[in-house]
Amino acid sequence: MRRRRAGRCPNGSQATDENGQPITFATPGAPTLEERRRYALAVQRATTPAALTPERQAEVDAIHRRNRELFPHLYNADDYRPRRKPLPHPRS
């Protein structure tokens, strides 16, 4: 017999509002949804690297072109072949 995973509610019921959405209870002192959203945006701004200058972007493009010339087998997706035949599906 398969065991069921324990959920949030032992009897399987969950409190819902008039729209059928689950009711969540805020922990005192916890950040509000707006504060969490603003914090996430601040982290995203702080950790996103600046765009490359046109000169640096040209250097990166040249490096990629050179690598494609030196190692075409790593870049040519049309030439990709699986290393072995996939195993048959267990139900087939």
PDB file of N, CA and C in Angstrom:
ATOM      1  N   MET A   1       0.841  -1.176   0.000  1.00  0.00           N
ATOM      2  CA  MET A   1       0.000   0.000   0.000  1.00  0.00           C
ATOM      3  C   MET A   1       0.884   1.237   0.000  1.00  0.00           C
ATOM      4  N   ARG A   2       0.567   2.190  -0.840  1.00  0.00           N
ATOM      5  CA  ARG A   2       1.361   3.407  -0.953  1.00  0.00           C
ATOM      6  C   ARG A   2       1.001   4.376   0.166  1.00  0.00           C
ATOM      7  N   ARG A   3       2.034   4.921   0.801  1.00  0.00           N
ATOM      8  CA  ARG A   3       1.786   5.887   1.870  1.00  0.00           C
ATOM      9  C   ARG A   3       1.587   7.267   1.278  1.00  0.00           C
ATOM     10  N   ARG A   4       0.680   8.003   1.844  1.00  0.00           N
ATOM     11  CA  ARG A   4       0.446   9.374   1.392  1.00  0.00           C
ATOM     12  C   ARG A   4       1.403  10.303   2.101  1.00  0.00           C
ATOM     13  N   ARG A   5       1.843  11.311   1.370  1.00  0.00           N
ATOM     14  CA  ARG A   5       2.702  12.322   1.987  1.00  0.00           C
ATOM     15  C   ARG A   5       1.872  13.185   2.924  1.00  0.00           C
ATOM     16  N   ALA A   6       2.479  13.559   4.011  1.00  0.00           N
ATOM     17  CA  ALA A   6       1.779  14.412   4.959  1.00  0.00           C
ATOM     18  C   ALA A   6       1.619  15.798   4.360  1.00  0.00           C
ATOM     19  N   GLY A   7       0.418  16.308   4.364  1.00  0.00           N
ATOM     20  CA  GLY A   7       0.158  17.646   3.850  1.00  0.00           C
ATOM     21  C   GLY A   7       0.123  18.651   4.978  1.00  0.00           C
ATOM     22  N   ARG A   8      -0.322  19.840   4.638  1.00  0.00           N
ATOM     23  CA  ARG A   8      -0.421  20.875   5.662  1.00  0.00           C
ATOM     24  C   ARG A   8      -1.554  20.593   6.639  1.00  0.00           C
ATOM     25  N   CYS A   9      -2.629  20.043   6.126  1.00  0.00           N
ATOM     26  CA  CYS A   9      -3.791  19.779   6.966  1.00  0.00           C
ATOM     27  C   CYS A   9      -3.956  18.272   7.122  1.00  0.00           C
ATOM     28  N   PRO A  10      -3.971  17.777   8.369  1.00  0.00           N
ATOM     29  CA  PRO A  10      -4.048  16.332   8.562  1.00  0.00           C
ATOM     30  C   PRO A  10      -5.315  15.704   7.995  1.00  0.00           C
ATOM     31  N   ASN A  11      -6.429  16.422   8.006  1.00  0.00           N
ATOM     32  CA  ASN A  11      -7.672  15.821   7.521  1.00  0.00           C
ATOM     33  C   ASN A  11      -7.951  16.158   6.059  1.00  0.00           C
ATOM     34  N   GLY A  12      -7.019  16.815   5.369  1.00  0.00           N
ATOM     35  CA  GLY A  12      -7.178  17.096   3.955  1.00  0.00           C
ATOM     36  C   GLY A  12      -7.982  18.334   3.639  1.00  0.00           C
ATOM     37  N   SER A  13      -8.523  19.016   4.643  1.00  0.00           N
ATOM     38  CA  SER A  13      -9.286  20.229   4.375  1.00  0.00           C
ATOM     39  C   SER A  13      -8.375  21.439   4.544  1.00  0.00           C
ATOM     40  N   GLN A  14      -8.709  22.489   3.850  1.00  0.00           N
ATOM     41  CA  GLN A  14      -7.933  23.717   3.974  1.00  0.00           C
ATOM     42  C   GLN A  14      -8.903  24.883   3.954  1.00  0.00           C
ATOM     43  N   ALA A  15      -8.638  25.865   4.808  1.00  0.00           N
ATOM     44  CA  ALA A  15      -9.505  27.031   4.862  1.00  0.00           C
ATOM     45  C   ALA A  15      -9.364  27.818   3.564  1.00  0.00           C
ATOM     46  N   THR A  16     -10.506  28.186   2.964  1.00  0.00           N
ATOM     47  CA  THR A  16     -10.485  28.973   1.739  1.00  0.00           C
ATOM     48  C   THR A  16     -11.393  30.173   1.909  1.00  0.00           C
ATOM     49  N   ASP A  17     -11.106  31.220   1.128  1.00  0.00           N
ATOM     50  CA  ASP A  17     -11.956  32.404   1.189  1.00  0.00           C
ATOM     51  C   ASP A  17     -13.145  32.217   0.241  1.00  0.00           C
ATOM     52  N   GLU A  18     -13.925  33.295   0.046  1.00  0.00           N
ATOM     53  CA  GLU A  18     -15.121  33.170  -0.781  1.00  0.00           C
ATOM     54  C   GLU A  18     -14.803  32.901  -2.251  1.00  0.00           C
ATOM     55  N   ASN A  19     -13.554  33.169  -2.688  1.00  0.00           N
ATOM     56  CA  ASN A  19     -13.162  32.900  -4.075  1.00  0.00           C
ATOM     57  C   ASN A  19     -12.511  31.536  -4.237  1.00  0.00           C
ATOM     58  N   GLY A  20     -12.426  30.772  -3.165  1.00  0.00           N
ATOM     59  CA  GLY A  20     -11.816  29.458  -3.243  1.00  0.00           C
ATOM     60  C   GLY A  20     -10.306  29.465  -3.105  1.00  0.00           C
ATOM     61  N   GLN A  21      -9.725  30.641  -2.839  1.00  0.00           N
ATOM     62  CA  GLN A  21      -8.277  30.733  -2.670  1.00  0.00           C
ATOM     63  C   GLN A  21      -7.916  30.341  -1.240  1.00  0.00           C
ATOM     64  N   PRO A  22      -6.768  29.649  -1.060  1.00  0.00           N
ATOM     65  CA  PRO A  22      -6.390  29.275   0.303  1.00  0.00           C
ATOM     66  C   PRO A  22      -6.103  30.508   1.153  1.00  0.00           C
ATOM     67  N   ILE A  23      -6.503  30.427   2.398  1.00  0.00           N
ATOM     68  CA  ILE A  23      -6.263  31.525   3.332  1.00  0.00           C
ATOM     69  C   ILE A  23      -4.892  31.315   3.952  1.00  0.00           C
ATOM     70  N   THR A  24      -4.066  32.347   3.898  1.00  0.00           N
ATOM     71  CA  THR A  24      -2.748  32.270   4.523  1.00  0.00           C
ATOM     72  C   THR A  24      -2.744  33.194   5.721  1.00  0.00           C
ATOM     73  N   PHE A  25      -2.041  32.788   6.731  1.00  0.00           N
ATOM     74  CA  PHE A  25      -1.987  33.564   7.958  1.00  0.00           C
ATOM     75  C   PHE A  25      -0.593  34.139   8.094  1.00  0.00           C
ATOM     76  N   ALA A  26      -0.490  35.454   8.171  1.00  0.00           N
ATOM     77  CA  ALA A  26       0.811  36.110   8.235  1.00  0.00           C
ATOM     78  C   ALA A  26       1.421  35.937   9.613  1.00  0.00           C
ATOM     79  N   THR A  27       2.704  35.648   9.629  1.00  0.00           N
ATOM     80  CA  THR A  27       3.442  35.578  10.880  1.00  0.00           C
ATOM     81  C   THR A  27       3.721  37.004  11.333  1.00  0.00           C
ATOM     82  N   PRO A  28       3.512  37.332  12.596  1.00  0.00           N
ATOM     83  CA  PRO A  28       3.790  38.697  13.055  1.00  0.00           C
ATOM     84  C   PRO A  28       5.250  39.059  12.804  1.00  0.00           C
ATOM     85  N   GLY A  29       5.459  40.235  12.217  1.00  0.00           N
ATOM     86  CA  GLY A  29       6.811  40.695  11.930  1.00  0.00           C
ATOM     87  C   GLY A  29       7.348  40.229  10.595  1.00  0.00           C
ATOM     88  N   ALA A  30       6.624  39.349   9.909  1.00  0.00           N
ATOM     89  CA  ALA A  30       7.087  38.877   8.603  1.00  0.00           C
ATOM     90  C   ALA A  30       6.866  39.972   7.565  1.00  0.00           C
ATOM     91  N   PRO A  31       7.728  40.042   6.541  1.00  0.00           N
ATOM     92  CA  PRO A  31       7.539  41.074   5.518  1.00  0.00           C
ATOM     93  C   PRO A  31       6.260  40.842   4.724  1.00  0.00           C
ATOM     94  N   THR A  32       5.648  41.935   4.320  1.00  0.00           N
ATOM     95  CA  THR A  32       4.437  41.833   3.509  1.00  0.00           C
ATOM     96  C   THR A  32       4.825  41.423   2.090  1.00  0.00           C
ATOM     97  N   LEU A  33       3.830  41.073   1.288  1.00  0.00           N
ATOM     98  CA  LEU A  33       4.104  40.694  -0.097  1.00  0.00           C
ATOM     99  C   LEU A  33       4.774  41.838  -0.849  1.00  0.00           C
ATOM    100  N   GLU A  34       4.332  43.068  -0.600  1.00  0.00           N
ATOM    101  CA  GLU A  34       4.938  44.226  -1.270  1.00  0.00           C
ATOM    102  C   GLU A  34       6.396  44.391  -0.853  1.00  0.00           C
ATOM    103  N   GLU A  35       6.692  44.216   0.433  1.00  0.00           N
ATOM    104  CA  GLU A  35       8.083  44.318   0.888  1.00  0.00           C
ATOM    105  C   GLU A  35       8.938  43.208   0.278  1.00  0.00           C
ATOM    106  N   ARG A  36       8.394  42.007   0.196  1.00  0.00           N
ATOM    107  CA  ARG A  36       9.145  40.903  -0.414  1.00  0.00           C
ATOM    108  C   ARG A  36       9.415  41.180  -1.885  1.00  0.00           C
ATOM    109  N   ARG A  37       8.416  41.733  -2.592  1.00  0.00           N
ATOM    110  CA  ARG A  37       8.596  42.047  -4.008  1.00  0.00           C
ATOM    111  C   ARG A  37       9.666  43.121  -4.196  1.00  0.00           C
ATOM    112  N   ARG A  38       9.613  44.179  -3.371  1.00  0.00           N
ATOM    113  CA  ARG A  38      10.608  45.252  -3.487  1.00  0.00           C
ATOM    114  C   ARG A  38      12.000  44.732  -3.174  1.00  0.00           C
ATOM    115  N   TYR A  39      12.119  43.864  -2.179  1.00  0.00           N
ATOM    116  CA  TYR A  39      13.421  43.293  -1.827  1.00  0.00           C
ATOM    117  C   TYR A  39      13.950  42.429  -2.968  1.00  0.00           C
ATOM    118  N   ALA A  40      13.079  41.614  -3.564  1.00  0.00           N
ATOM    119  CA  ALA A  40      13.510  40.755  -4.672  1.00  0.00           C
ATOM    120  C   ALA A  40      13.990  41.589  -5.854  1.00  0.00           C
ATOM    121  N   LEU A  41      13.288  42.686  -6.151  1.00  0.00           N
ATOM    122  CA  LEU A  41      13.726  43.556  -7.245  1.00  0.00           C
ATOM    123  C   LEU A  41      15.058  44.212  -6.923  1.00  0.00           C
ATOM    124  N   ALA A  42      15.256  44.614  -5.662  1.00  0.00           N
ATOM    125  CA  ALA A  42      16.529  45.226  -5.274  1.00  0.00           C
ATOM    126  C   ALA A  42      17.670  44.229  -5.416  1.00  0.00           C
ATOM    127  N   VAL A  43      17.439  42.980  -5.016  1.00  0.00           N
ATOM    128  CA  VAL A  43      18.470  41.948  -5.160  1.00  0.00           C
ATOM    129  C   VAL A  43      18.767  41.717  -6.634  1.00  0.00           C
ATOM    130  N   GLN A  44      17.721  41.688  -7.456  1.00  0.00           N
ATOM    131  CA  GLN A  44      17.920  41.474  -8.893  1.00  0.00           C
ATOM    132  C   GLN A  44      18.740  42.609  -9.491  1.00  0.00           C
ATOM    133  N   ARG A  45      18.423  43.853  -9.104  1.00  0.00           N
ATOM    134  CA  ARG A  45      19.197  44.994  -9.622  1.00  0.00           C
ATOM    135  C   ARG A  45      20.640  44.925  -9.166  1.00  0.00           C
ATOM    136  N   ALA A  46      20.864  44.521  -7.914  1.00  0.00           N
ATOM    137  CA  ALA A  46      22.217  44.511  -7.357  1.00  0.00           C
ATOM    138  C   ALA A  46      23.065  43.385  -7.937  1.00  0.00           C
ATOM    139  N   THR A  47      22.448  42.286  -8.340  1.00  0.00           N
ATOM    140  CA  THR A  47      23.225  41.132  -8.779  1.00  0.00           C
ATOM    141  C   THR A  47      23.273  40.975 -10.294  1.00  0.00           C
ATOM    142  N   THR A  48      22.513  41.780 -11.036  1.00  0.00           N
ATOM    143  CA  THR A  48      22.544  41.691 -12.494  1.00  0.00           C
ATOM    144  C   THR A  48      23.760  42.451 -13.003  1.00  0.00           C
ATOM    145  N   PRO A  49      24.627  41.799 -13.777  1.00  0.00           N
ATOM    146  CA  PRO A  49      25.807  42.502 -14.265  1.00  0.00           C
ATOM    147  C   PRO A  49      25.431  43.586 -15.270  1.00  0.00           C
ATOM    148  N   ALA A  50      26.278  44.594 -15.356  1.00  0.00           N
ATOM    149  CA  ALA A  50      26.043  45.679 -16.303  1.00  0.00           C
ATOM    150  C   ALA A  50      26.214  45.157 -17.724  1.00  0.00           C
ATOM    151  N   ALA A  51      25.554  45.811 -18.658  1.00  0.00           N
ATOM    152  CA  ALA A  51      25.678  45.419 -20.060  1.00  0.00           C
ATOM    153  C   ALA A  51      27.106  45.665 -20.532  1.00  0.00           C
ATOM    154  N   LEU A  52      27.559  44.829 -21.454  1.00  0.00           N
ATOM    155  CA  LEU A  52      28.910  44.986 -21.980  1.00  0.00           C
ATOM    156  C   LEU A  52      28.978  46.211 -22.879  1.00  0.00           C
ATOM    157  N   THR A  53      30.144  46.849 -22.876  1.00  0.00           N
ATOM    158  CA  THR A  53      30.359  47.957 -23.802  1.00  0.00           C
ATOM    159  C   THR A  53      30.431  47.375 -25.213  1.00  0.00           C
ATOM    160  N   PRO A  54      30.189  48.180 -26.233  1.00  0.00           N
ATOM    161  CA  PRO A  54      30.271  47.653 -27.603  1.00  0.00           C
ATOM    162  C   PRO A  54      31.638  47.054 -27.923  1.00  0.00           C
ATOM    163  N   GLU A  55      32.715  47.651 -27.387  1.00  0.00           N
ATOM    164  CA  GLU A  55      34.053  47.114 -27.646  1.00  0.00           C
ATOM    165  C   GLU A  55      34.206  45.732 -27.014  1.00  0.00           C
ATOM    166  N   ARG A  56      33.767  45.604 -25.768  1.00  0.00           N
ATOM    167  CA  ARG A  56      33.886  44.323 -25.074  1.00  0.00           C
ATOM    168  C   ARG A  56      32.987  43.272 -25.731  1.00  0.00           C
ATOM    169  N   GLN A  57      31.787  43.684 -26.172  1.00  0.00           N
ATOM    170  CA  GLN A  57      30.894  42.744 -26.845  1.00  0.00           C
ATOM    171  C   GLN A  57      31.523  42.242 -28.140  1.00  0.00           C
ATOM    172  N   ALA A  58      32.223  43.126 -28.856  1.00  0.00           N
ATOM    173  CA  ALA A  58      32.905  42.712 -30.085  1.00  0.00           C
ATOM    174  C   ALA A  58      34.006  41.703 -29.769  1.00  0.00           C
ATOM    175  N   GLU A  59      34.722  41.909 -28.653  1.00  0.00           N
ATOM    176  CA  GLU A  59      35.759  40.952 -28.247  1.00  0.00           C
ATOM    177  C   GLU A  59      35.147  39.581 -27.946  1.00  0.00           C
ATOM    178  N   VAL A  60      34.048  39.580 -27.223  1.00  0.00           N
ATOM    179  CA  VAL A  60      33.386  38.322 -26.866  1.00  0.00           C
ATOM    180  C   VAL A  60      32.895  37.612 -28.128  1.00  0.00           C
ATOM    181  N   ASP A  61      32.313  38.373 -29.054  1.00  0.00           N
ATOM    182  CA  ASP A  61      31.850  37.767 -30.305  1.00  0.00           C
ATOM    183  C   ASP A  61      33.011  37.153 -31.075  1.00  0.00           C
ATOM    184  N   ALA A  62      34.173  37.846 -31.078  1.00  0.00           N
ATOM    185  CA  ALA A  62      35.348  37.316 -31.774  1.00  0.00           C
ATOM    186  C   ALA A  62      35.825  36.021 -31.116  1.00  0.00           C
ATOM    187  N   ILE A  63      35.790  35.975 -29.788  1.00  0.00           N
ATOM    188  CA  ILE A  63      36.186  34.757 -29.070  1.00  0.00           C
ATOM    189  C   ILE A  63      35.258  33.608 -29.449  1.00  0.00           C
ATOM    190  N   HIS A  64      33.946  33.876 -29.498  1.00  0.00           N
ATOM    191  CA  HIS A  64      32.991  32.826 -29.847  1.00  0.00           C
ATOM    192  C   HIS A  64      33.194  32.352 -31.283  1.00  0.00           C
ATOM    193  N   ARG A  65      33.438  33.301 -32.205  1.00  0.00           N
ATOM    194  CA  ARG A  65      33.698  32.910 -33.600  1.00  0.00           C
ATOM    195  C   ARG A  65      34.924  32.013 -33.684  1.00  0.00           C
ATOM    196  N   ARG A  66      35.986  32.398 -32.962  1.00  0.00           N
ATOM    197  CA  ARG A  66      37.227  31.620 -32.977  1.00  0.00           C
ATOM    198  C   ARG A  66      36.987  30.216 -32.417  1.00  0.00           C
ATOM    199  N   ASN A  67      36.245  30.134 -31.320  1.00  0.00           N
ATOM    200  CA  ASN A  67      35.964  28.821 -30.729  1.00  0.00           C
ATOM    201  C   ASN A  67      35.136  27.951 -31.673  1.00  0.00           C
ATOM    202  N   ARG A  68      34.186  28.563 -32.395  1.00  0.00           N
ATOM    203  CA  ARG A  68      33.390  27.786 -33.357  1.00  0.00           C
ATOM    204  C   ARG A  68      34.259  27.261 -34.489  1.00  0.00           C
ATOM    205  N   GLU A  69      35.281  28.046 -34.870  1.00  0.00           N
ATOM    206  CA  GLU A  69      36.187  27.579 -35.926  1.00  0.00           C
ATOM    207  C   GLU A  69      37.100  26.471 -35.415  1.00  0.00           C
ATOM    208  N   LEU A  70      37.588  26.609 -34.172  1.00  0.00           N
ATOM    209  CA  LEU A  70      38.514  25.620 -33.629  1.00  0.00           C
ATOM    210  C   LEU A  70      37.810  24.333 -33.207  1.00  0.00           C
ATOM    211  N   PHE A  71      36.597  24.470 -32.686  1.00  0.00           N
ATOM    212  CA  PHE A  71      35.872  23.317 -32.144  1.00  0.00           C
ATOM    213  C   PHE A  71      34.477  23.225 -32.761  1.00  0.00           C
ATOM    214  N   PRO A  72      34.389  22.987 -34.068  1.00  0.00           N
ATOM    215  CA  PRO A  72      33.054  22.981 -34.689  1.00  0.00           C
ATOM    216  C   PRO A  72      32.160  21.866 -34.158  1.00  0.00           C
ATOM    217  N   HIS A  73      32.768  20.760 -33.709  1.00  0.00           N
ATOM    218  CA  HIS A  73      31.951  19.652 -33.212  1.00  0.00           C
ATOM    219  C   HIS A  73      31.205  20.019 -31.937  1.00  0.00           C
ATOM    220  N   LEU A  74      31.662  21.033 -31.228  1.00  0.00           N
ATOM    221  CA  LEU A  74      30.964  21.444 -30.006  1.00  0.00           C
ATOM    222  C   LEU A  74      29.785  22.367 -30.304  1.00  0.00           C
ATOM    223  N   TYR A  75      29.768  22.967 -31.491  1.00  0.00           N
ATOM    224  CA  TYR A  75      28.754  23.966 -31.801  1.00  0.00           C
ATOM    225  C   TYR A  75      27.750  23.518 -32.848  1.00  0.00           C
ATOM    226  N   ASN A  76      28.082  22.487 -33.647  1.00  0.00           N
ATOM    227  CA  ASN A  76      27.229  22.102 -34.754  1.00  0.00           C
ATOM    228  C   ASN A  76      26.100  21.201 -34.262  1.00  0.00           C
ATOM    229  N   ALA A  77      24.949  21.788 -34.023  1.00  0.00           N
ATOM    230  CA  ALA A  77      23.820  21.023 -33.493  1.00  0.00           C
ATOM    231  C   ALA A  77      23.248  20.073 -34.539  1.00  0.00           C
ATOM    232  N   ASP A  78      23.421  20.379 -35.843  1.00  0.00           N
ATOM    233  CA  ASP A  78      22.878  19.510 -36.888  1.00  0.00           C
ATOM    234  C   ASP A  78      23.602  18.170 -36.920  1.00  0.00           C
ATOM    235  N   ASP A  79      24.852  18.153 -36.465  1.00  0.00           N
ATOM    236  CA  ASP A  79      25.661  16.951 -36.542  1.00  0.00           C
ATOM    237  C   ASP A  79      25.551  16.106 -35.267  1.00  0.00           C
ATOM    238  N   TYR A  80      24.700  16.522 -34.333  1.00  0.00           N
ATOM    239  CA  TYR A  80      24.608  15.818 -33.059  1.00  0.00           C
ATOM    240  C   TYR A  80      23.956  14.459 -33.251  1.00  0.00           C
ATOM    241  N   ARG A  81      24.564  13.441 -32.697  1.00  0.00           N
ATOM    242  CA  ARG A  81      23.991  12.104 -32.684  1.00  0.00           C
ATOM    243  C   ARG A  81      24.070  11.569 -31.258  1.00  0.00           C
ATOM    244  N   PRO A  82      23.013  10.966 -30.758  1.00  0.00           N
ATOM    245  CA  PRO A  82      23.095  10.390 -29.410  1.00  0.00           C
ATOM    246  C   PRO A  82      24.182   9.325 -29.351  1.00  0.00           C
ATOM    247  N   ARG A  83      24.791   9.167 -28.198  1.00  0.00           N
ATOM    248  CA  ARG A  83      25.896   8.227 -28.046  1.00  0.00           C
ATOM    249  C   ARG A  83      25.416   6.773 -28.120  1.00  0.00           C
ATOM    250  N   ARG A  84      24.202   6.506 -27.725  1.00  0.00           N
ATOM    251  CA  ARG A  84      23.675   5.146 -27.784  1.00  0.00           C
ATOM    252  C   ARG A  84      22.177   5.232 -28.042  1.00  0.00           C
ATOM    253  N   LYS A  85      21.625   4.108 -28.451  1.00  0.00           N
ATOM    254  CA  LYS A  85      20.189   4.092 -28.681  1.00  0.00           C
ATOM    255  C   LYS A  85      19.477   4.215 -27.337  1.00  0.00           C
ATOM    256  N   PRO A  86      18.396   4.979 -27.281  1.00  0.00           N
ATOM    257  CA  PRO A  86      17.668   5.066 -26.014  1.00  0.00           C
ATOM    258  C   PRO A  86      17.048   3.722 -25.652  1.00  0.00           C
ATOM    259  N   LEU A  87      16.923   3.478 -24.367  1.00  0.00           N
ATOM    260  CA  LEU A  87      16.316   2.232 -23.898  1.00  0.00           C
ATOM    261  C   LEU A  87      14.828   2.237 -24.230  1.00  0.00           C
ATOM    262  N   PRO A  88      14.246   1.065 -24.496  1.00  0.00           N
ATOM    263  CA  PRO A  88      12.809   1.043 -24.786  1.00  0.00           C
ATOM    264  C   PRO A  88      12.013   1.433 -23.544  1.00  0.00           C
ATOM    265  N   HIS A  89      10.875   2.015 -23.790  1.00  0.00           N
ATOM    266  CA  HIS A  89      10.013   2.409 -22.689  1.00  0.00           C
ATOM    267  C   HIS A  89       9.510   1.150 -21.990  1.00  0.00           C
ATOM    268  N   PRO A  90       9.459   1.140 -20.645  1.00  0.00           N
ATOM    269  CA  PRO A  90       9.070  -0.090 -19.937  1.00  0.00           C
ATOM    270  C   PRO A  90       7.660  -0.571 -20.272  1.00  0.00           C
ATOM    271  N   ARG A  91       6.775   0.307 -20.710  1.00  0.00           N
ATOM    272  CA  ARG A  91       5.399  -0.108 -20.989  1.00  0.00           C
ATOM    273  C   ARG A  91       5.178  -0.462 -22.451  1.00  0.00           C
ATOM    274  N   SER A  92       6.218  -0.376 -23.275  1.00  0.00           N
ATOM    275  CA  SER A  92       6.003  -0.671 -24.695  1.00  0.00           C
ATOM    276  C   SER A  92       6.271  -2.131 -24.994  1.00  0.00           C
TER     277      SER A  92
END
